[in-house]
PDB file of N, CA and C in Angstrom:
ATOM      1  N   MET A   1       4.063  93.917  -4.305  1.00  0.00           N
ATOM      2  CA  MET A   1       2.134  94.167  -5.200  1.00  0.00           C
ATOM      3  C   MET A   1       1.789  95.340  -5.564  1.00  0.00           C
ATOM      4  N   GLU A   2       1.663  94.858  -6.938  1.00  0.00           N
ATOM      5  CA  GLU A   2       1.139  95.936  -7.608  1.00  0.00           C
ATOM      6  C   GLU A   2      -0.020  96.361  -8.442  1.00  0.00           C
ATOM      7  N   VAL A   3      -0.742  97.523  -7.860  1.00  0.00           N
ATOM      8  CA  VAL A   3      -1.833  97.318  -8.450  1.00  0.00           C
ATOM      9  C   VAL A   3      -2.652  98.780  -9.143  1.00  0.00           C
ATOM     10  N   SER A   4      -3.232  98.532  -9.988  1.00  0.00           N
ATOM     11  CA  SER A   4      -3.574 100.021 -10.761  1.00  0.00           C
ATOM     12  C   SER A   4      -4.543 100.899 -10.067  1.00  0.00           C
ATOM     13  N   VAL A   5      -4.916 102.267 -10.787  1.00  0.00           N
ATOM     14  CA  VAL A   5      -5.078 103.249 -10.277  1.00  0.00           C
ATOM     15  C   VAL A   5      -6.749 103.056 -10.445  1.00  0.00           C
ATOM     16  N   SER A   6      -7.054 102.334 -11.401  1.00  0.00           N
ATOM     17  CA  SER A   6      -8.689 101.520 -11.239  1.00  0.00           C
ATOM     18  C   SER A   6      -8.749 100.493 -10.378  1.00  0.00           C
ATOM     19  N   GLN A   7      -8.061  99.418 -10.074  1.00  0.00           N
ATOM     20  CA  GLN A   7      -8.021  98.614  -8.898  1.00  0.00           C
ATOM     21  C   GLN A   7      -8.016  99.127  -7.774  1.00  0.00           C
ATOM     22  N   LEU A   8      -7.021 100.004  -7.619  1.00  0.00           N
ATOM     23  CA  LEU A   8      -7.332 100.668  -5.777  1.00  0.00           C
ATOM     24  C   LEU A   8      -8.615 100.801  -5.872  1.00  0.00           C
ATOM     25  N   ARG A   9      -8.937 101.911  -6.771  1.00  0.00           N
ATOM     26  CA  ARG A   9     -10.268 103.121  -6.698  1.00  0.00           C
ATOM     27  C   ARG A   9     -11.678 101.643  -5.909  1.00  0.00           C
ATOM     28  N   ALA A  10     -11.300 101.187  -6.945  1.00  0.00           N
ATOM     29  CA  ALA A  10     -12.565  99.416  -6.998  1.00  0.00           C
ATOM     30  C   ALA A  10     -12.534  99.147  -5.564  1.00  0.00           C
ATOM     31  N   GLN A  11     -11.194  98.738  -5.232  1.00  0.00           N
ATOM     32  CA  GLN A  11     -11.073  97.827  -3.895  1.00  0.00           C
ATOM     33  C   GLN A  11     -10.526  98.844  -2.716  1.00  0.00           C
ATOM     34  N   LEU A  12     -10.329  99.643  -2.708  1.00  0.00           N
ATOM     35  CA  LEU A  12      -9.674 100.694  -1.761  1.00  0.00           C
ATOM     36  C   LEU A  12      -9.325  99.677  -0.155  1.00  0.00           C
ATOM     37  N   LYS A  13     -10.392  99.803   0.177  1.00  0.00           N
ATOM     38  CA  LYS A  13     -10.595  99.173   1.746  1.00  0.00           C
ATOM     39  C   LYS A  13      -9.958  97.811   1.423  1.00  0.00           C
ATOM     40  N   ASP A  14      -9.980  96.632   0.743  1.00  0.00           N
ATOM     41  CA  ASP A  14      -9.124  95.919   0.419  1.00  0.00           C
ATOM     42  C   ASP A  14      -8.107  95.780   0.616  1.00  0.00           C
ATOM     43  N   TYR A  15      -7.312  96.740  -0.197  1.00  0.00           N
ATOM     44  CA  TYR A  15      -5.488  96.762  -0.199  1.00  0.00           C
ATOM     45  C   TYR A  15      -5.512  97.681   0.796  1.00  0.00           C
ATOM     46  N   LEU A  16      -6.059  98.674   1.569  1.00  0.00           N
ATOM     47  CA  LEU A  16      -5.295  99.728   2.993  1.00  0.00           C
ATOM     48  C   LEU A  16      -5.421  98.212   4.485  1.00  0.00           C
ATOM     49  N   ALA A  17      -6.787  97.188   4.091  1.00  0.00           N
ATOM     50  CA  ALA A  17      -6.310  96.241   4.674  1.00  0.00           C
ATOM     51  C   ALA A  17      -5.050  95.237   4.797  1.00  0.00           C
ATOM     52  N   GLN A  18      -4.521  95.502   3.540  1.00  0.00           N
ATOM     53  CA  GLN A  18      -2.799  94.877   3.639  1.00  0.00           C
ATOM     54  C   GLN A  18      -2.104  95.746   3.901  1.00  0.00           C
ATOM     55  N   VAL A  19      -2.382  96.734   3.271  1.00  0.00           N
ATOM     56  CA  VAL A  19      -1.041  97.610   4.128  1.00  0.00           C
ATOM     57  C   VAL A  19      -1.155  97.475   5.242  1.00  0.00           C
ATOM     58  N   LYS A  20      -2.190  97.852   6.024  1.00  0.00           N
ATOM     59  CA  LYS A  20      -1.733  97.340   7.483  1.00  0.00           C
ATOM     60  C   LYS A  20      -0.886  96.078   8.145  1.00  0.00           C
ATOM     61  N   GLN A  21      -1.603  95.035   7.527  1.00  0.00           N
ATOM     62  CA  GLN A  21      -0.744  94.028   7.571  1.00  0.00           C
ATOM     63  C   GLN A  21       0.604  93.428   7.671  1.00  0.00           C
ATOM     64  N   GLY A  22       1.363  95.386   6.860  1.00  0.00           N
ATOM     65  CA  GLY A  22       2.330  94.809   6.513  1.00  0.00           C
ATOM     66  C   GLY A  22       2.889  94.676   5.079  1.00  0.00           C
ATOM     67  N   GLU A  23       1.770  95.045   4.214  1.00  0.00           N
ATOM     68  CA  GLU A  23       2.169  94.517   2.947  1.00  0.00           C
ATOM     69  C   GLU A  23       2.439  96.101   2.189  1.00  0.00           C
ATOM     70  N   ALA A  24       3.066  96.108   1.380  1.00  0.00           N
ATOM     71  CA  ALA A  24       3.701  97.178   0.825  1.00  0.00           C
ATOM     72  C   ALA A  24       2.964  97.149  -0.569  1.00  0.00           C
ATOM     73  N   ILE A  25       1.717  98.861  -1.344  1.00  0.00           N
ATOM     74  CA  ILE A  25       1.800  98.036  -2.334  1.00  0.00           C
ATOM     75  C   ILE A  25       1.872  99.320  -3.402  1.00  0.00           C
ATOM     76  N   VAL A  26       2.270  98.649  -4.780  1.00  0.00           N
ATOM     77  CA  VAL A  26       3.083 100.027  -5.757  1.00  0.00           C
ATOM     78  C   VAL A  26       1.586 100.234  -6.620  1.00  0.00           C
ATOM     79  N   VAL A  27       1.810 101.428  -6.782  1.00  0.00           N
ATOM     80  CA  VAL A  27       0.555 102.033  -7.612  1.00  0.00           C
ATOM     81  C   VAL A  27       1.058 101.968  -8.771  1.00  0.00           C
ATOM     82  N   THR A  28       0.198 101.769  -9.957  1.00  0.00           N
ATOM     83  CA  THR A  28       0.817 101.857 -11.292  1.00  0.00           C
ATOM     84  C   THR A  28      -0.541 102.650 -11.713  1.00  0.00           C
ATOM     85  N   GLU A  29       0.217 103.403 -12.852  1.00  0.00           N
ATOM     86  CA  GLU A  29      -0.877 104.596 -13.818  1.00  0.00           C
ATOM     87  C   GLU A  29      -0.172 103.899 -15.626  1.00  0.00           C
ATOM     88  N   ARG A  30      -1.024 103.252 -16.264  1.00  0.00           N
ATOM     89  CA  ARG A  30      -0.298 102.633 -16.789  1.00  0.00           C
ATOM     90  C   ARG A  30       0.498 101.765 -17.629  1.00  0.00           C
ATOM     91  N   GLY A  31       0.690 100.915 -16.380  1.00  0.00           N
ATOM     92  CA  GLY A  31       1.948 100.088 -16.274  1.00  0.00           C
ATOM     93  C   GLY A  31       3.147 101.208 -15.649  1.00  0.00           C
ATOM     94  N   VAL A  32       2.579 102.436 -15.419  1.00  0.00           N
ATOM     95  CA  VAL A  32       4.145 103.265 -14.465  1.00  0.00           C
ATOM     96  C   VAL A  32       4.140 102.986 -13.008  1.00  0.00           C
ATOM     97  N   PRO A  33       5.405 102.691 -12.787  1.00  0.00           N
ATOM     98  CA  PRO A  33       4.597 103.379 -10.772  1.00  0.00           C
ATOM     99  C   PRO A  33       4.366 104.525 -10.820  1.00  0.00           C
ATOM    100  N   ILE A  34       4.134 104.908  -9.808  1.00  0.00           N
ATOM    101  CA  ILE A  34       3.707 106.237  -9.802  1.00  0.00           C
ATOM    102  C   ILE A  34       3.428 106.616  -7.591  1.00  0.00           C
ATOM    103  N   ALA A  35       2.712 105.464  -7.028  1.00  0.00           N
ATOM    104  CA  ALA A  35       3.078 105.213  -5.138  1.00  0.00           C
ATOM    105  C   ALA A  35       3.682 104.374  -4.918  1.00  0.00           C
ATOM    106  N   GLN A  36       3.166 104.500  -3.862  1.00  0.00           N
ATOM    107  CA  GLN A  36       3.565 103.318  -3.145  1.00  0.00           C
ATOM    108  C   GLN A  36       2.750 103.589  -1.358  1.00  0.00           C
ATOM    109  N   LEU A  37       2.423 102.402  -1.825  1.00  0.00           N
ATOM    110  CA  LEU A  37       1.980 102.358  -0.040  1.00  0.00           C
ATOM    111  C   LEU A  37       2.003 101.483   1.217  1.00  0.00           C
ATOM    112  N   VAL A  38       2.907 102.274   2.229  1.00  0.00           N
ATOM    113  CA  VAL A  38       3.361 101.642   3.471  1.00  0.00           C
ATOM    114  C   VAL A  38       2.406 101.863   4.768  1.00  0.00           C
ATOM    115  N   SER A  39       2.536 101.479   5.239  1.00  0.00           N
ATOM    116  CA  SER A  39       1.709 101.553   6.709  1.00  0.00           C
ATOM    117  C   SER A  39       2.532 102.430   7.468  1.00  0.00           C
ATOM    118  N   VAL A  40       2.282 103.216   8.325  1.00  0.00           N
ATOM    119  CA  VAL A  40       2.438 104.414   8.841  1.00  0.00           C
ATOM    120  C   VAL A  40       3.094 103.839  10.165  1.00  0.00           C
ATOM    121  N   ASP A  41       2.098 102.654  11.071  1.00  0.00           N
ATOM    122  CA  ASP A  41       2.760 101.931  11.530  1.00  0.00           C
ATOM    123  C   ASP A  41       3.797 100.997  11.780  1.00  0.00           C
ATOM    124  N   GLY A  42       4.283 100.694  10.838  1.00  0.00           N
ATOM    125  CA  GLY A  42       4.885  99.764  10.096  1.00  0.00           C
ATOM    126  C   GLY A  42       6.277  99.023  10.707  1.00  0.00           C
ATOM    127  N   ALA A  43       6.432  98.124  10.205  1.00  0.00           N
ATOM    128  CA  ALA A  43       7.628  97.368  10.843  1.00  0.00           C
ATOM    129  C   ALA A  43       9.009  98.758  11.031  1.00  0.00           C
ATOM    130  N   SER A  44      10.053  98.267  12.318  1.00  0.00           N
ATOM    131  CA  SER A  44      10.787  99.309  11.900  1.00  0.00           C
ATOM    132  C   SER A  44      11.960  98.974  10.712  1.00  0.00           C
ATOM    133  N   LEU A  45      13.142  99.872  10.503  1.00  0.00           N
ATOM    134  CA  LEU A  45      13.549  99.432   8.881  1.00  0.00           C
ATOM    135  C   LEU A  45      14.449  98.051   9.014  1.00  0.00           C
ATOM    136  N   LEU A  46      14.533  98.450  10.430  1.00  0.00           N
ATOM    137  CA  LEU A  46      15.766  96.430  10.360  1.00  0.00           C
ATOM    138  C   LEU A  46      14.248  95.475   9.585  1.00  0.00           C
ATOM    139  N   GLU A  47      13.422  95.502  10.410  1.00  0.00           N
ATOM    140  CA  GLU A  47      12.175  94.386  10.104  1.00  0.00           C
ATOM    141  C   GLU A  47      11.637  94.483   8.764  1.00  0.00           C
ATOM    142  N   GLN A  48      12.336  95.631   8.217  1.00  0.00           N
ATOM    143  CA  GLN A  48      11.809  95.693   6.894  1.00  0.00           C
ATOM    144  C   GLN A  48      12.888  95.146   6.203  1.00  0.00           C
ATOM    145  N   LEU A  49      14.286  95.784   6.127  1.00  0.00           N
ATOM    146  CA  LEU A  49      15.327  94.998   5.835  1.00  0.00           C
ATOM    147  C   LEU A  49      15.031  93.874   5.469  1.00  0.00           C
ATOM    148  N   GLU A  50      14.991  93.022   6.969  1.00  0.00           N
ATOM    149  CA  GLU A  50      15.027  91.712   7.098  1.00  0.00           C
ATOM    150  C   GLU A  50      14.004  91.171   6.259  1.00  0.00           C
ATOM    151  N   ARG A  51      12.712  91.217   6.409  1.00  0.00           N
ATOM    152  CA  ARG A  51      11.346  91.297   5.245  1.00  0.00           C
ATOM    153  C   ARG A  51      12.418  90.839   3.846  1.00  0.00           C
ATOM    154  N   GLU A  52      12.355  91.928   3.360  1.00  0.00           N
ATOM    155  CA  GLU A  52      13.347  91.940   1.974  1.00  0.00           C
ATOM    156  C   GLU A  52      14.438  91.136   1.627  1.00  0.00           C
ATOM    157  N   GLY A  53      14.619  90.578   2.233  1.00  0.00           N
ATOM    158  CA  GLY A  53      16.094  89.669   2.439  1.00  0.00           C
ATOM    159  C   GLY A  53      17.330  90.677   2.654  1.00  0.00           C
ATOM    160  N   LEU A  54      17.759  91.850   2.962  1.00  0.00           N
ATOM    161  CA  LEU A  54      18.721  92.219   2.501  1.00  0.00           C
ATOM    162  C   LEU A  54      19.814  92.539   3.618  1.00  0.00           C
ATOM    163  N   LEU A  55      18.884  91.751   5.389  1.00  0.00           N
ATOM    164  CA  LEU A  55      19.695  91.741   6.931  1.00  0.00           C
ATOM    165  C   LEU A  55      19.224  90.749   6.933  1.00  0.00           C
ATOM    166  N   THR A  56      20.253  89.528   8.201  1.00  0.00           N
ATOM    167  CA  THR A  56      19.956  88.438   8.206  1.00  0.00           C
ATOM    168  C   THR A  56      19.849  88.666  10.108  1.00  0.00           C
ATOM    169  N   ALA A  57      19.277  88.331  10.552  1.00  0.00           N
ATOM    170  CA  ALA A  57      19.001  88.937  12.088  1.00  0.00           C
ATOM    171  C   ALA A  57      19.796  87.936  12.713  1.00  0.00           C
ATOM    172  N   PRO A  58      20.913  88.231  13.835  1.00  0.00           N
ATOM    173  CA  PRO A  58      21.353  87.879  14.846  1.00  0.00           C
ATOM    174  C   PRO A  58      21.038  86.359  15.435  1.00  0.00           C
ATOM    175  N   THR A  59      21.909  85.338  15.328  1.00  0.00           N
ATOM    176  CA  THR A  59      21.852  83.687  15.808  1.00  0.00           C
ATOM    177  C   THR A  59      21.676  83.668  17.137  1.00  0.00           C
ATOM    178  N   ALA A  60      22.518  84.707  18.065  1.00  0.00           N
ATOM    179  CA  ALA A  60      23.465  84.557  18.919  1.00  0.00           C
ATOM    180  C   ALA A  60      23.335  86.012  19.563  1.00  0.00           C
ATOM    181  N   GLU A  61      23.260  86.048  21.276  1.00  0.00           N
ATOM    182  CA  GLU A  61      23.730  87.356  22.048  1.00  0.00           C
ATOM    183  C   GLU A  61      25.452  87.333  21.521  1.00  0.00           C
ATOM    184  N   ARG A  62      25.192  88.978  21.657  1.00  0.00           N
ATOM    185  CA  ARG A  62      26.534  89.795  21.308  1.00  0.00           C
ATOM    186  C   ARG A  62      26.920  89.305  22.799  1.00  0.00           C
ATOM    187  N   PRO A  63      28.571  89.146  22.675  1.00  0.00           N
ATOM    188  CA  PRO A  63      29.121  88.778  23.502  1.00  0.00           C
ATOM    189  C   PRO A  63      29.477  90.306  25.327  1.00  0.00           C
ATOM    190  N   PRO A  64      29.756  90.379  26.024  1.00  0.00           N
ATOM    191  CA  PRO A  64      29.650  90.772  26.476  1.00  0.00           C
ATOM    192  C   PRO A  64      30.798  91.824  26.415  1.00  0.00           C
ATOM    193  N   VAL A  65      30.926  93.717  26.280  1.00  0.00           N
ATOM    194  CA  VAL A  65      31.638  94.554  26.253  1.00  0.00           C
ATOM    195  C   VAL A  65      33.199  93.848  27.197  1.00  0.00           C
ATOM    196  N   PRO A  66      34.136  94.165  26.681  1.00  0.00           N
ATOM    197  CA  PRO A  66      35.571  94.035  28.273  1.00  0.00           C
ATOM    198  C   PRO A  66      35.820  95.350  28.947  1.00  0.00           C
ATOM    199  N   ASP A  67      36.494  94.658  29.866  1.00  0.00           N
ATOM    200  CA  ASP A  67      36.122  96.262  30.362  1.00  0.00           C
ATOM    201  C   ASP A  67      38.418  96.081  30.085  1.00  0.00           C
ATOM    202  N   PHE A  68      37.991  97.832  30.240  1.00  0.00           N
ATOM    203  CA  PHE A  68      39.150  98.123  29.474  1.00  0.00           C
ATOM    204  C   PHE A  68      40.018  99.186  30.719  1.00  0.00           C
ATOM    205  N   GLY A  69      39.332  99.007  31.674  1.00  0.00           N
ATOM    206  CA  GLY A  69      39.524 100.282  32.815  1.00  0.00           C
ATOM    207  C   GLY A  69      38.438 100.734  33.401  1.00  0.00           C
ATOM    208  N   SER A  70      39.395 101.605  34.380  1.00  0.00           N
ATOM    209  CA  SER A  70      37.750 102.343  34.786  1.00  0.00           C
ATOM    210  C   SER A  70      37.120 103.096  34.279  1.00  0.00           C
ATOM    211  N   GLU A  71      37.672 103.534  33.261  1.00  0.00           N
ATOM    212  CA  GLU A  71      36.987 105.251  32.028  1.00  0.00           C
ATOM    213  C   GLU A  71      36.146 104.381  31.370  1.00  0.00           C
ATOM    214  N   PRO A  72      34.262 104.248  30.502  1.00  0.00           N
ATOM    215  CA  PRO A  72      34.278 103.554  29.672  1.00  0.00           C
ATOM    216  C   PRO A  72      34.636 104.214  28.447  1.00  0.00           C
ATOM    217  N   VAL A  73      34.494 102.737  27.702  1.00  0.00           N
ATOM    218  CA  VAL A  73      35.209 102.912  26.709  1.00  0.00           C
ATOM    219  C   VAL A  73      34.391 103.901  25.368  1.00  0.00           C
ATOM    220  N   ALA A  74      33.269 104.189  25.703  1.00  0.00           N
ATOM    221  CA  ALA A  74      32.168 105.011  25.199  1.00  0.00           C
ATOM    222  C   ALA A  74      32.834 106.740  25.695  1.00  0.00           C
ATOM    223  N   ALA A  75      33.419 106.682  26.599  1.00  0.00           N
ATOM    224  CA  ALA A  75      33.658 108.225  26.978  1.00  0.00           C
ATOM    225  C   ALA A  75      34.639 108.470  26.171  1.00  0.00           C
ATOM    226  N   SER A  76      35.757 107.786  26.512  1.00  0.00           N
ATOM    227  CA  SER A  76      37.222 108.195  25.589  1.00  0.00           C
ATOM    228  C   SER A  76      36.855 107.896  24.327  1.00  0.00           C
ATOM    229  N   GLY A  77      36.352 107.572  23.481  1.00  0.00           N
ATOM    230  CA  GLY A  77      36.668 107.510  22.601  1.00  0.00           C
ATOM    231  C   GLY A  77      37.357 106.420  21.934  1.00  0.00           C
ATOM    232  N   LEU A  78      37.066 105.968  20.312  1.00  0.00           N
ATOM    233  CA  LEU A  78      38.346 105.516  19.901  1.00  0.00           C
ATOM    234  C   LEU A  78      39.605 105.286  20.188  1.00  0.00           C
ATOM    235  N   ALA A  79      39.850 107.001  20.024  1.00  0.00           N
ATOM    236  CA  ALA A  79      41.999 107.568  20.476  1.00  0.00           C
ATOM    237  C   ALA A  79      42.057 106.277  21.964  1.00  0.00           C
ATOM    238  N   GLY A  80      40.877 107.014  23.191  1.00  0.00           N
ATOM    239  CA  GLY A  80      41.301 106.598  23.877  1.00  0.00           C
ATOM    240  C   GLY A  80      41.245 104.590  23.883  1.00  0.00           C
ATOM    241  N   LEU A  81      40.514 104.487  23.238  1.00  0.00           N
ATOM    242  CA  LEU A  81      40.336 102.564  23.238  1.00  0.00           C
ATOM    243  C   LEU A  81      41.992 102.133  22.311  1.00  0.00           C
ATOM    244  N   ILE A  82      42.415 103.013  21.257  1.00  0.00           N
ATOM    245  CA  ILE A  82      44.034 102.498  21.215  1.00  0.00           C
ATOM    246  C   ILE A  82      45.102 102.730  21.806  1.00  0.00           C
ATOM    247  N   LYS A  83      44.648 103.837  22.809  1.00  0.00           N
ATOM    248  CA  LYS A  83      46.140 103.838  23.688  1.00  0.00           C
ATOM    249  C   LYS A  83      46.150 102.961  24.724  1.00  0.00           C
ATOM    250  N   ARG A  84      44.329 102.205  25.218  1.00  0.00           N
ATOM    251  CA  ARG A  84      44.588 101.522  26.294  1.00  0.00           C
ATOM    252  C   ARG A  84      44.792  99.772  25.597  1.00  0.00           C
ATOM    253  N   LEU A  85      45.092  99.678  24.637  1.00  0.00           N
ATOM    254  CA  LEU A  85      44.899  98.929  24.085  1.00  0.00           C
ATOM    255  C   LEU A  85      46.842  98.476  23.476  1.00  0.00           C
ATOM    256  N   ARG A  86      46.977  99.492  22.793  1.00  0.00           N
ATOM    257  CA  ARG A  86      48.723  99.475  23.188  1.00  0.00           C
ATOM    258  C   ARG A  86      49.820  99.172  23.751  1.00  0.00           C
ATOM    259  N   ARG A  87      48.975  99.362  25.463  1.00  0.00           N
ATOM    260  CA  ARG A  87      50.042  99.633  26.672  1.00  0.00           C
ATOM    261  C   ARG A  87      50.162  98.562  27.008  1.00  0.00           C
TER     262      ARG A  87
END
């Protein structure tokens, strides 16, 4: 949503209420964007990207991580995983 500086001054309380509900407001001066108001306690980056249509939430649970031996994959790194797969 875009609002001019004069609109923002006149109805600041109303616009701040919209920001608290997750709305992002672009403030313009003579039609040129100069600032953006967003909630500090707003959604996480993932939720924001999903809301903007840049990310889609998963539709199913992630499959379990396969067991490649006694040592966890994360501890041995990618090189260790490749070694185990080549055996």
